[in-house]
Amino acid sequence: MTNKKAKGIRKKTRNKFKRGANTPRLTVRDQLREIPVGTTVHISIDSSVHASLPHQRYQGLTGKVIGKRGKAMVVSVNLGNASRQLTVNSAHLKEKKEPKKAA
């Protein structure tokens, strides 16, 4: 007799959502952070925050903040040839660091 196959939203995420030993813990400041519209962000899912959690296929993608919906941010992401709009909590977003320009 075999076990039933898991079909939930978080299936096959045991290693994908794991936090490394050197990854800092989530702070209240990270959860309440306001990200300005037009900022380029990376989606980095934090498994300890369940609010506005994006699907696992968007882990590691880069997008642009196009608006705000409640406490969450609306992020535009390209997935193949299609453009998707995700509603994501700011705890799952990291701002892209712009390279310094030489003078």
PDB file of N, CA and C in Angstrom:
ATOM      1  N   MET A   1       0.839  -1.178   0.000  1.00  0.00           N
ATOM      2  CA  MET A   1       0.000   0.000   0.000  1.00  0.00           C
ATOM      3  C   MET A   1       0.889   1.249   0.000  1.00  0.00           C
ATOM      4  N   THR A   2       0.603   2.175  -0.866  1.00  0.00           N
ATOM      5  CA  THR A   2       1.428   3.374  -0.959  1.00  0.00           C
ATOM      6  C   THR A   2       0.736   4.566  -0.299  1.00  0.00           C
ATOM      7  N   ASN A   3       1.556   5.539   0.004  1.00  0.00           N
ATOM      8  CA  ASN A   3       1.001   6.764   0.565  1.00  0.00           C
ATOM      9  C   ASN A   3       0.368   7.598  -0.535  1.00  0.00           C
ATOM     10  N   LYS A   4      -0.536   8.469  -0.118  1.00  0.00           N
ATOM     11  CA  LYS A   4      -1.192   9.343  -1.079  1.00  0.00           C
ATOM     12  C   LYS A   4      -0.247  10.455  -1.521  1.00  0.00           C
ATOM     13  N   LYS A   5      -0.304  10.806  -2.797  1.00  0.00           N
ATOM     14  CA  LYS A   5       0.555  11.865  -3.345  1.00  0.00           C
ATOM     15  C   LYS A   5       0.083  13.227  -2.854  1.00  0.00           C
ATOM     16  N   ALA A   6       1.038  14.024  -2.369  1.00  0.00           N
ATOM     17  CA  ALA A   6       0.708  15.373  -1.923  1.00  0.00           C
ATOM     18  C   ALA A   6       0.437  16.263  -3.132  1.00  0.00           C
ATOM     19  N   LYS A   7      -0.642  17.052  -3.064  1.00  0.00           N
ATOM     20  CA  LYS A   7      -1.011  17.916  -4.185  1.00  0.00           C
ATOM     21  C   LYS A   7      -1.234  19.352  -3.744  1.00  0.00           C
ATOM     22  N   GLY A   8      -0.703  19.723  -2.600  1.00  0.00           N
ATOM     23  CA  GLY A   8      -0.934  21.066  -2.067  1.00  0.00           C
ATOM     24  C   GLY A   8      -0.071  22.127  -2.727  1.00  0.00           C
ATOM     25  N   ILE A   9      -0.282  23.368  -2.300  1.00  0.00           N
ATOM     26  CA  ILE A   9       0.430  24.510  -2.875  1.00  0.00           C
ATOM     27  C   ILE A   9       1.916  24.485  -2.504  1.00  0.00           C
ATOM     28  N   ARG A  10       2.264  23.850  -1.380  1.00  0.00           N
ATOM     29  CA  ARG A  10       3.660  23.833  -0.946  1.00  0.00           C
ATOM     30  C   ARG A  10       4.324  22.477  -1.148  1.00  0.00           C
ATOM     31  N   LYS A  11       3.847  21.697  -2.102  1.00  0.00           N
ATOM     32  CA  LYS A  11       4.471  20.408  -2.383  1.00  0.00           C
ATOM     33  C   LYS A  11       5.854  20.603  -2.990  1.00  0.00           C
ATOM     34  N   LYS A  12       6.770  19.716  -2.702  1.00  0.00           N
ATOM     35  CA  LYS A  12       8.144  19.727  -3.228  1.00  0.00           C
ATOM     36  C   LYS A  12       8.911  20.993  -2.874  1.00  0.00           C
ATOM     37  N   THR A  13       8.685  21.552  -1.696  1.00  0.00           N
ATOM     38  CA  THR A  13       9.361  22.788  -1.323  1.00  0.00           C
ATOM     39  C   THR A  13      10.258  22.608  -0.104  1.00  0.00           C
ATOM     40  N   ARG A  14      10.520  21.393   0.309  1.00  0.00           N
ATOM     41  CA  ARG A  14      11.304  21.169   1.523  1.00  0.00           C
ATOM     42  C   ARG A  14      12.674  21.831   1.441  1.00  0.00           C
ATOM     43  N   ASN A  15      13.387  21.650   0.362  1.00  0.00           N
ATOM     44  CA  ASN A  15      14.714  22.239   0.227  1.00  0.00           C
ATOM     45  C   ASN A  15      14.668  23.630  -0.396  1.00  0.00           C
ATOM     46  N   LYS A  16      13.664  23.889  -1.213  1.00  0.00           N
ATOM     47  CA  LYS A  16      13.569  25.172  -1.902  1.00  0.00           C
ATOM     48  C   LYS A  16      13.326  26.322  -0.930  1.00  0.00           C
ATOM     49  N   PHE A  17      12.515  26.105   0.102  1.00  0.00           N
ATOM     50  CA  PHE A  17      12.174  27.152   1.055  1.00  0.00           C
ATOM     51  C   PHE A  17      13.032  27.126   2.306  1.00  0.00           C
ATOM     52  N   LYS A  18      14.028  26.228   2.369  1.00  0.00           N
ATOM     53  CA  LYS A  18      14.891  26.156   3.545  1.00  0.00           C
ATOM     54  C   LYS A  18      15.723  27.409   3.684  1.00  0.00           C
ATOM     55  N   ARG A  19      15.901  27.827   4.904  1.00  0.00           N
ATOM     56  CA  ARG A  19      16.724  28.997   5.168  1.00  0.00           C
ATOM     57  C   ARG A  19      18.111  28.490   5.544  1.00  0.00           C
ATOM     58  N   GLY A  20      19.147  29.091   4.980  1.00  0.00           N
ATOM     59  CA  GLY A  20      20.511  28.676   5.268  1.00  0.00           C
ATOM     60  C   GLY A  20      20.949  29.102   6.657  1.00  0.00           C
ATOM     61  N   ALA A  21      22.087  28.605   7.088  1.00  0.00           N
ATOM     62  CA  ALA A  21      22.598  28.925   8.416  1.00  0.00           C
ATOM     63  C   ALA A  21      22.993  30.394   8.523  1.00  0.00           C
ATOM     64  N   ASN A  22      23.413  31.001   7.420  1.00  0.00           N
ATOM     65  CA  ASN A  22      23.857  32.398   7.451  1.00  0.00           C
ATOM     66  C   ASN A  22      22.767  33.393   7.078  1.00  0.00           C
ATOM     67  N   THR A  23      21.552  32.899   6.795  1.00  0.00           N
ATOM     68  CA  THR A  23      20.456  33.792   6.430  1.00  0.00           C
ATOM     69  C   THR A  23      19.883  34.438   7.683  1.00  0.00           C
ATOM     70  N   PRO A  24      19.776  35.770   7.698  1.00  0.00           N
ATOM     71  CA  PRO A  24      19.253  36.430   8.902  1.00  0.00           C
ATOM     72  C   PRO A  24      17.773  36.154   9.103  1.00  0.00           C
ATOM     73  N   ARG A  25      17.347  36.211  10.359  1.00  0.00           N
ATOM     74  CA  ARG A  25      15.943  36.021  10.698  1.00  0.00           C
ATOM     75  C   ARG A  25      15.130  37.231  10.253  1.00  0.00           C
ATOM     76  N   LEU A  26      13.853  37.028  10.037  1.00  0.00           N
ATOM     77  CA  LEU A  26      12.966  38.101   9.634  1.00  0.00           C
ATOM     78  C   LEU A  26      12.690  39.020  10.813  1.00  0.00           C
ATOM     79  N   THR A  27      12.765  40.319  10.587  1.00  0.00           N
ATOM     80  CA  THR A  27      12.489  41.286  11.641  1.00  0.00           C
ATOM     81  C   THR A  27      11.177  42.002  11.339  1.00  0.00           C
ATOM     82  N   VAL A  28      10.665  42.696  12.333  1.00  0.00           N
ATOM     83  CA  VAL A  28       9.440  43.469  12.153  1.00  0.00           C
ATOM     84  C   VAL A  28       9.672  44.567  11.122  1.00  0.00           C
ATOM     85  N   ARG A  29      10.870  45.108  11.103  1.00  0.00           N
ATOM     86  CA  ARG A  29      11.209  46.156  10.144  1.00  0.00           C
ATOM     87  C   ARG A  29      11.082  45.647   8.700  1.00  0.00           C
ATOM     88  N   ASP A  30      11.466  44.396   8.457  1.00  0.00           N
ATOM     89  CA  ASP A  30      11.351  43.822   7.113  1.00  0.00           C
ATOM     90  C   ASP A  30       9.894  43.651   6.704  1.00  0.00           C
ATOM     91  N   GLN A  31       9.043  43.280   7.655  1.00  0.00           N
ATOM     92  CA  GLN A  31       7.638  43.062   7.340  1.00  0.00           C
ATOM     93  C   GLN A  31       6.897  44.365   7.079  1.00  0.00           C
ATOM     94  N   LEU A  32       7.283  45.437   7.747  1.00  0.00           N
ATOM     95  CA  LEU A  32       6.587  46.714   7.617  1.00  0.00           C
ATOM     96  C   LEU A  32       7.237  47.642   6.597  1.00  0.00           C
ATOM     97  N   ARG A  33       8.277  47.174   5.913  1.00  0.00           N
ATOM     98  CA  ARG A  33       9.033  47.995   4.979  1.00  0.00           C
ATOM     99  C   ARG A  33       8.159  48.441   3.803  1.00  0.00           C
ATOM    100  N   GLU A  34       8.270  49.707   3.443  1.00  0.00           N
ATOM    101  CA  GLU A  34       7.579  50.262   2.281  1.00  0.00           C
ATOM    102  C   GLU A  34       8.562  50.312   1.112  1.00  0.00           C
ATOM    103  N   ILE A  35       8.195  49.705   0.016  1.00  0.00           N
ATOM    104  CA  ILE A  35       9.045  49.710  -1.170  1.00  0.00           C
ATOM    105  C   ILE A  35       8.408  50.661  -2.182  1.00  0.00           C
ATOM    106  N   PRO A  36       9.133  51.676  -2.657  1.00  0.00           N
ATOM    107  CA  PRO A  36       8.550  52.644  -3.588  1.00  0.00           C
ATOM    108  C   PRO A  36       8.182  52.011  -4.927  1.00  0.00           C
ATOM    109  N   VAL A  37       7.158  52.571  -5.567  1.00  0.00           N
ATOM    110  CA  VAL A  37       6.722  52.100  -6.880  1.00  0.00           C
ATOM    111  C   VAL A  37       7.831  52.376  -7.888  1.00  0.00           C
ATOM    112  N   GLY A  38       8.080  51.414  -8.769  1.00  0.00           N
ATOM    113  CA  GLY A  38       9.122  51.558  -9.781  1.00  0.00           C
ATOM    114  C   GLY A  38      10.435  50.901  -9.398  1.00  0.00           C
ATOM    115  N   THR A  39      10.537  50.382  -8.166  1.00  0.00           N
ATOM    116  CA  THR A  39      11.766  49.744  -7.702  1.00  0.00           C
ATOM    117  C   THR A  39      11.872  48.332  -8.276  1.00  0.00           C
ATOM    118  N   THR A  40      13.062  47.938  -8.687  1.00  0.00           N
ATOM    119  CA  THR A  40      13.311  46.576  -9.144  1.00  0.00           C
ATOM    120  C   THR A  40      13.595  45.704  -7.926  1.00  0.00           C
ATOM    121  N   VAL A  41      12.905  44.557  -7.832  1.00  0.00           N
ATOM    122  CA  VAL A  41      13.025  43.686  -6.664  1.00  0.00           C
ATOM    123  C   VAL A  41      13.241  42.239  -7.092  1.00  0.00           C
ATOM    124  N   HIS A  42      13.881  41.477  -6.212  1.00  0.00           N
ATOM    125  CA  HIS A  42      14.039  40.038  -6.382  1.00  0.00           C
ATOM    126  C   HIS A  42      13.028  39.350  -5.476  1.00  0.00           C
ATOM    127  N   ILE A  43      12.415  38.280  -5.955  1.00  0.00           N
ATOM    128  CA  ILE A  43      11.483  37.519  -5.132  1.00  0.00           C
ATOM    129  C   ILE A  43      12.276  36.432  -4.430  1.00  0.00           C
ATOM    130  N   SER A  44      12.314  36.522  -3.116  1.00  0.00           N
ATOM    131  CA  SER A  44      13.015  35.556  -2.273  1.00  0.00           C
ATOM    132  C   SER A  44      12.044  35.137  -1.177  1.00  0.00           C
ATOM    133  N   ILE A  45      11.425  33.982  -1.338  1.00  0.00           N
ATOM    134  CA  ILE A  45      10.343  33.554  -0.457  1.00  0.00           C
ATOM    135  C   ILE A  45      10.882  33.228   0.930  1.00  0.00           C
ATOM    136  N   ASP A  46      10.235  33.814   1.942  1.00  0.00           N
ATOM    137  CA  ASP A  46      10.547  33.531   3.338  1.00  0.00           C
ATOM    138  C   ASP A  46       9.433  32.637   3.871  1.00  0.00           C
ATOM    139  N   SER A  47       9.759  31.384   4.179  1.00  0.00           N
ATOM    140  CA  SER A  47       8.741  30.409   4.545  1.00  0.00           C
ATOM    141  C   SER A  47       8.099  30.682   5.899  1.00  0.00           C
ATOM    142  N   SER A  48       8.683  31.569   6.705  1.00  0.00           N
ATOM    143  CA  SER A  48       8.092  31.849   8.009  1.00  0.00           C
ATOM    144  C   SER A  48       6.942  32.848   7.920  1.00  0.00           C
ATOM    145  N   VAL A  49       6.772  33.517   6.780  1.00  0.00           N
ATOM    146  CA  VAL A  49       5.672  34.457   6.585  1.00  0.00           C
ATOM    147  C   VAL A  49       4.710  33.839   5.583  1.00  0.00           C
ATOM    148  N   HIS A  50       3.472  33.594   6.013  1.00  0.00           N
ATOM    149  CA  HIS A  50       2.503  32.935   5.149  1.00  0.00           C
ATOM    150  C   HIS A  50       1.610  33.924   4.415  1.00  0.00           C
ATOM    151  N   ALA A  51       1.623  35.202   4.820  1.00  0.00           N
ATOM    152  CA  ALA A  51       0.777  36.201   4.181  1.00  0.00           C
ATOM    153  C   ALA A  51       1.328  36.577   2.815  1.00  0.00           C
ATOM    154  N   SER A  52       0.450  36.611   1.813  1.00  0.00           N
ATOM    155  CA  SER A  52       0.811  37.002   0.438  1.00  0.00           C
ATOM    156  C   SER A  52       2.035  36.245  -0.057  1.00  0.00           C
ATOM    157  N   LEU A  53       2.022  34.951   0.119  1.00  0.00           N
ATOM    158  CA  LEU A  53       3.124  34.085  -0.293  1.00  0.00           C
ATOM    159  C   LEU A  53       2.997  33.787  -1.784  1.00  0.00           C
ATOM    160  N   PRO A  54       4.000  34.133  -2.608  1.00  0.00           N
ATOM    161  CA  PRO A  54       3.902  33.817  -4.038  1.00  0.00           C
ATOM    162  C   PRO A  54       4.112  32.317  -4.276  1.00  0.00           C
ATOM    163  N   HIS A  55       3.706  31.858  -5.438  1.00  0.00           N
ATOM    164  CA  HIS A  55       3.884  30.449  -5.780  1.00  0.00           C
ATOM    165  C   HIS A  55       5.366  30.149  -5.927  1.00  0.00           C
ATOM    166  N   GLN A  56       5.729  28.889  -5.710  1.00  0.00           N
ATOM    167  CA  GLN A  56       7.139  28.496  -5.719  1.00  0.00           C
ATOM    168  C   GLN A  56       7.806  28.702  -7.078  1.00  0.00           C
ATOM    169  N   ARG A  57       7.040  28.748  -8.169  1.00  0.00           N
ATOM    170  CA  ARG A  57       7.669  28.932  -9.490  1.00  0.00           C
ATOM    171  C   ARG A  57       8.259  30.326  -9.661  1.00  0.00           C
ATOM    172  N   TYR A  58       7.861  31.281  -8.813  1.00  0.00           N
ATOM    173  CA  TYR A  58       8.378  32.640  -8.909  1.00  0.00           C
ATOM    174  C   TYR A  58       9.584  32.882  -8.014  1.00  0.00           C
ATOM    175  N   GLN A  59      10.042  31.868  -7.282  1.00  0.00           N
ATOM    176  CA  GLN A  59      11.216  31.989  -6.415  1.00  0.00           C
ATOM    177  C   GLN A  59      12.443  32.340  -7.249  1.00  0.00           C
ATOM    178  N   GLY A  60      13.112  33.436  -6.901  1.00  0.00           N
ATOM    179  CA  GLY A  60      14.344  33.827  -7.570  1.00  0.00           C
ATOM    180  C   GLY A  60      14.167  34.734  -8.774  1.00  0.00           C
ATOM    181  N   LEU A  61      12.926  35.029  -9.169  1.00  0.00           N
ATOM    182  CA  LEU A  61      12.717  35.899 -10.328  1.00  0.00           C
ATOM    183  C   LEU A  61      12.841  37.367  -9.932  1.00  0.00           C
ATOM    184  N   THR A  62      13.045  38.207 -10.917  1.00  0.00           N
ATOM    185  CA  THR A  62      13.176  39.644 -10.704  1.00  0.00           C
ATOM    186  C   THR A  62      12.025  40.347 -11.390  1.00  0.00           C
ATOM    187  N   GLY A  63      11.475  41.353 -10.704  1.00  0.00           N
ATOM    188  CA  GLY A  63      10.359  42.106 -11.260  1.00  0.00           C
ATOM    189  C   GLY A  63      10.402  43.552 -10.815  1.00  0.00           C
ATOM    190  N   LYS A  64       9.344  44.280 -11.143  1.00  0.00           N
ATOM    191  CA  LYS A  64       9.254  45.700 -10.825  1.00  0.00           C
ATOM    192  C   LYS A  64       7.973  45.949 -10.047  1.00  0.00           C
ATOM    193  N   VAL A  65       8.064  46.747  -8.979  1.00  0.00           N
ATOM    194  CA  VAL A  65       6.897  47.096  -8.178  1.00  0.00           C
ATOM    195  C   VAL A  65       6.067  48.097  -8.975  1.00  0.00           C
ATOM    196  N   ILE A  66       4.776  47.753  -9.204  1.00  0.00           N
ATOM    197  CA  ILE A  66       3.922  48.639  -9.995  1.00  0.00           C
ATOM    198  C   ILE A  66       2.780  49.226  -9.176  1.00  0.00           C
ATOM    199  N   GLY A  67       2.664  48.822  -7.917  1.00  0.00           N
ATOM    200  CA  GLY A  67       1.589  49.373  -7.099  1.00  0.00           C
ATOM    201  C   GLY A  67       1.564  48.739  -5.725  1.00  0.00           C
ATOM    202  N   LYS A  68       0.520  49.104  -4.969  1.00  0.00           N
ATOM    203  CA  LYS A  68       0.358  48.586  -3.621  1.00  0.00           C
ATOM    204  C   LYS A  68      -1.082  48.147  -3.446  1.00  0.00           C
ATOM    205  N   ARG A  69      -1.307  47.016  -2.784  1.00  0.00           N
ATOM    206  CA  ARG A  69      -2.649  46.521  -2.520  1.00  0.00           C
ATOM    207  C   ARG A  69      -2.716  46.120  -1.052  1.00  0.00           C
ATOM    208  N   GLY A  70      -3.281  46.997  -0.240  1.00  0.00           N
ATOM    209  CA  GLY A  70      -3.295  46.766   1.203  1.00  0.00           C
ATOM    210  C   GLY A  70      -1.884  46.880   1.741  1.00  0.00           C
ATOM    211  N   LYS A  71      -1.446  45.868   2.496  1.00  0.00           N
ATOM    212  CA  LYS A  71      -0.074  45.861   3.008  1.00  0.00           C
ATOM    213  C   LYS A  71       0.906  45.268   2.007  1.00  0.00           C
ATOM    214  N   ALA A  72       0.399  44.622   0.962  1.00  0.00           N
ATOM    215  CA  ALA A  72       1.244  43.917   0.000  1.00  0.00           C
ATOM    216  C   ALA A  72       1.582  44.801  -1.193  1.00  0.00           C
ATOM    217  N   MET A  73       2.597  44.378  -1.934  1.00  0.00           N
ATOM    218  CA  MET A  73       3.040  45.071  -3.134  1.00  0.00           C
ATOM    219  C   MET A  73       2.592  44.291  -4.365  1.00  0.00           C
ATOM    220  N   VAL A  74       2.268  45.005  -5.442  1.00  0.00           N
ATOM    221  CA  VAL A  74       1.945  44.368  -6.714  1.00  0.00           C
ATOM    222  C   VAL A  74       3.207  44.423  -7.558  1.00  0.00           C
ATOM    223  N   VAL A  75       3.690  43.234  -7.959  1.00  0.00           N
ATOM    224  CA  VAL A  75       4.955  43.118  -8.684  1.00  0.00           C
ATOM    225  C   VAL A  75       4.688  42.537 -10.063  1.00  0.00           C
ATOM    226  N   SER A  76       5.254  43.159 -11.086  1.00  0.00           N
ATOM    227  CA  SER A  76       5.144  42.672 -12.454  1.00  0.00           C
ATOM    228  C   SER A  76       6.381  41.826 -12.765  1.00  0.00           C
ATOM    229  N   VAL A  77       6.158  40.568 -13.179  1.00  0.00           N
ATOM    230  CA  VAL A  77       7.242  39.617 -13.432  1.00  0.00           C
ATOM    231  C   VAL A  77       7.032  39.002 -14.810  1.00  0.00           C
ATOM    232  N   ASN A  78       8.103  38.828 -15.555  1.00  0.00           N
ATOM    233  CA  ASN A  78       8.025  38.123 -16.834  1.00  0.00           C
ATOM    234  C   ASN A  78       8.308  36.650 -16.611  1.00  0.00           C
ATOM    235  N   LEU A  79       7.376  35.814 -17.082  1.00  0.00           N
ATOM    236  CA  LEU A  79       7.524  34.363 -16.989  1.00  0.00           C
ATOM    237  C   LEU A  79       7.431  33.821 -18.410  1.00  0.00           C
ATOM    238  N   GLY A  80       8.578  33.571 -19.024  1.00  0.00           N
ATOM    239  CA  GLY A  80       8.596  33.201 -20.433  1.00  0.00           C
ATOM    240  C   GLY A  80       8.241  34.426 -21.264  1.00  0.00           C
ATOM    241  N   ASN A  81       7.232  34.303 -22.117  1.00  0.00           N
ATOM    242  CA  ASN A  81       6.775  35.431 -22.922  1.00  0.00           C
ATOM    243  C   ASN A  81       5.624  36.179 -22.274  1.00  0.00           C
ATOM    244  N   ALA A  82       5.100  35.660 -21.158  1.00  0.00           N
ATOM    245  CA  ALA A  82       3.942  36.268 -20.511  1.00  0.00           C
ATOM    246  C   ALA A  82       4.370  37.156 -19.349  1.00  0.00           C
ATOM    247  N   SER A  83       3.644  38.230 -19.143  1.00  0.00           N
ATOM    248  CA  SER A  83       3.886  39.120 -18.013  1.00  0.00           C
ATOM    249  C   SER A  83       2.845  38.813 -16.944  1.00  0.00           C
ATOM    250  N   ARG A  84       3.287  38.602 -15.713  1.00  0.00           N
ATOM    251  CA  ARG A  84       2.381  38.256 -14.614  1.00  0.00           C
ATOM    252  C   ARG A  84       2.425  39.341 -13.565  1.00  0.00           C
ATOM    253  N   GLN A  85       1.298  39.547 -12.891  1.00  0.00           N
ATOM    254  CA  GLN A  85       1.236  40.478 -11.771  1.00  0.00           C
ATOM    255  C   GLN A  85       0.993  39.687 -10.506  1.00  0.00           C
ATOM    256  N   LEU A  86       1.910  39.811  -9.545  1.00  0.00           N
ATOM    257  CA  LEU A  86       1.831  39.067  -8.293  1.00  0.00           C
ATOM    258  C   LEU A  86       1.561  40.029  -7.150  1.00  0.00           C
ATOM    259  N   THR A  87       0.748  39.593  -6.199  1.00  0.00           N
ATOM    260  CA  THR A  87       0.545  40.342  -4.969  1.00  0.00           C
ATOM    261  C   THR A  87       1.406  39.680  -3.916  1.00  0.00           C
ATOM    262  N   VAL A  88       2.468  40.373  -3.483  1.00  0.00           N
ATOM    263  CA  VAL A  88       3.486  39.772  -2.632  1.00  0.00           C
ATOM    264  C   VAL A  88       3.736  40.644  -1.407  1.00  0.00           C
ATOM    265  N   ASN A  89       3.862  40.013  -0.254  1.00  0.00           N
ATOM    266  CA  ASN A  89       4.220  40.717   0.975  1.00  0.00           C
ATOM    267  C   ASN A  89       5.666  41.203   0.858  1.00  0.00           C
ATOM    268  N   SER A  90       5.971  42.331   1.478  1.00  0.00           N
ATOM    269  CA  SER A  90       7.318  42.899   1.371  1.00  0.00           C
ATOM    270  C   SER A  90       8.378  42.022   2.041  1.00  0.00           C
ATOM    271  N   ALA A  91       7.973  41.078   2.892  1.00  0.00           N
ATOM    272  CA  ALA A  91       8.931  40.162   3.511  1.00  0.00           C
ATOM    273  C   ALA A  91       9.536  39.207   2.484  1.00  0.00           C
ATOM    274  N   HIS A  92       8.848  38.997   1.360  1.00  0.00           N
ATOM    275  CA  HIS A  92       9.326  38.085   0.318  1.00  0.00           C
ATOM    276  C   HIS A  92      10.077  38.819  -0.790  1.00  0.00           C
ATOM    277  N   LEU A  93      10.314  40.115  -0.614  1.00  0.00           N
ATOM    278  CA  LEU A  93      10.977  40.916  -1.648  1.00  0.00           C
ATOM    279  C   LEU A  93      12.298  41.467  -1.139  1.00  0.00           C
ATOM    280  N   LYS A  94      13.280  41.522  -2.013  1.00  0.00           N
ATOM    281  CA  LYS A  94      14.563  42.150  -1.703  1.00  0.00           C
ATOM    282  C   LYS A  94      14.869  43.138  -2.813  1.00  0.00           C
ATOM    283  N   GLU A  95      15.195  44.363  -2.427  1.00  0.00           N
ATOM    284  CA  GLU A  95      15.481  45.393  -3.422  1.00  0.00           C
ATOM    285  C   GLU A  95      16.786  45.079  -4.141  1.00  0.00           C
ATOM    286  N   LYS A  96      16.796  45.322  -5.445  1.00  0.00           N
ATOM    287  CA  LYS A  96      17.992  45.099  -6.247  1.00  0.00           C
ATOM    288  C   LYS A  96      18.981  46.214  -5.962  1.00  0.00           C
ATOM    289  N   LYS A  97      20.224  45.862  -5.734  1.00  0.00           N
ATOM    290  CA  LYS A  97      21.264  46.846  -5.474  1.00  0.00           C
ATOM    291  C   LYS A  97      21.773  47.367  -6.804  1.00  0.00           C
ATOM    292  N   GLU A  98      21.706  48.658  -6.971  1.00  0.00           N
ATOM    293  CA  GLU A  98      22.193  49.281  -8.195  1.00  0.00           C
ATOM    294  C   GLU A  98      23.713  49.402  -8.143  1.00  0.00           C
ATOM    295  N   PRO A  99      24.416  49.073  -9.215  1.00  0.00           N
ATOM    296  CA  PRO A  99      25.878  49.224  -9.199  1.00  0.00           C
ATOM    297  C   PRO A  99      26.268  50.681  -9.175  1.00  0.00           C
ATOM    298  N   LYS A 100      27.344  50.981  -8.477  1.00  0.00           N
ATOM    299  CA  LYS A 100      27.829  52.354  -8.409  1.00  0.00           C
ATOM    300  C   LYS A 100      28.500  52.730  -9.723  1.00  0.00           C
ATOM    301  N   LYS A 101      28.187  53.947 -10.190  1.00  0.00           N
ATOM    302  CA  LYS A 101      28.748  54.417 -11.452  1.00  0.00           C
ATOM    303  C   LYS A 101      30.073  55.119 -11.169  1.00  0.00           C
ATOM    304  N   ALA A 102      31.052  54.824 -11.995  1.00  0.00           N
ATOM    305  CA  ALA A 102      32.360  55.467 -11.847  1.00  0.00           C
ATOM    306  C   ALA A 102      32.294  56.899 -12.362  1.00  0.00           C
ATOM    307  N   ALA A 103      32.931  57.790 -11.632  1.00  0.00           N
ATOM    308  CA  ALA A 103      32.907  59.204 -12.042  1.00  0.00           C
ATOM    309  C   ALA A 103      34.057  59.552 -12.947  1.00  0.00           C
TER     310      ALA A 103
END
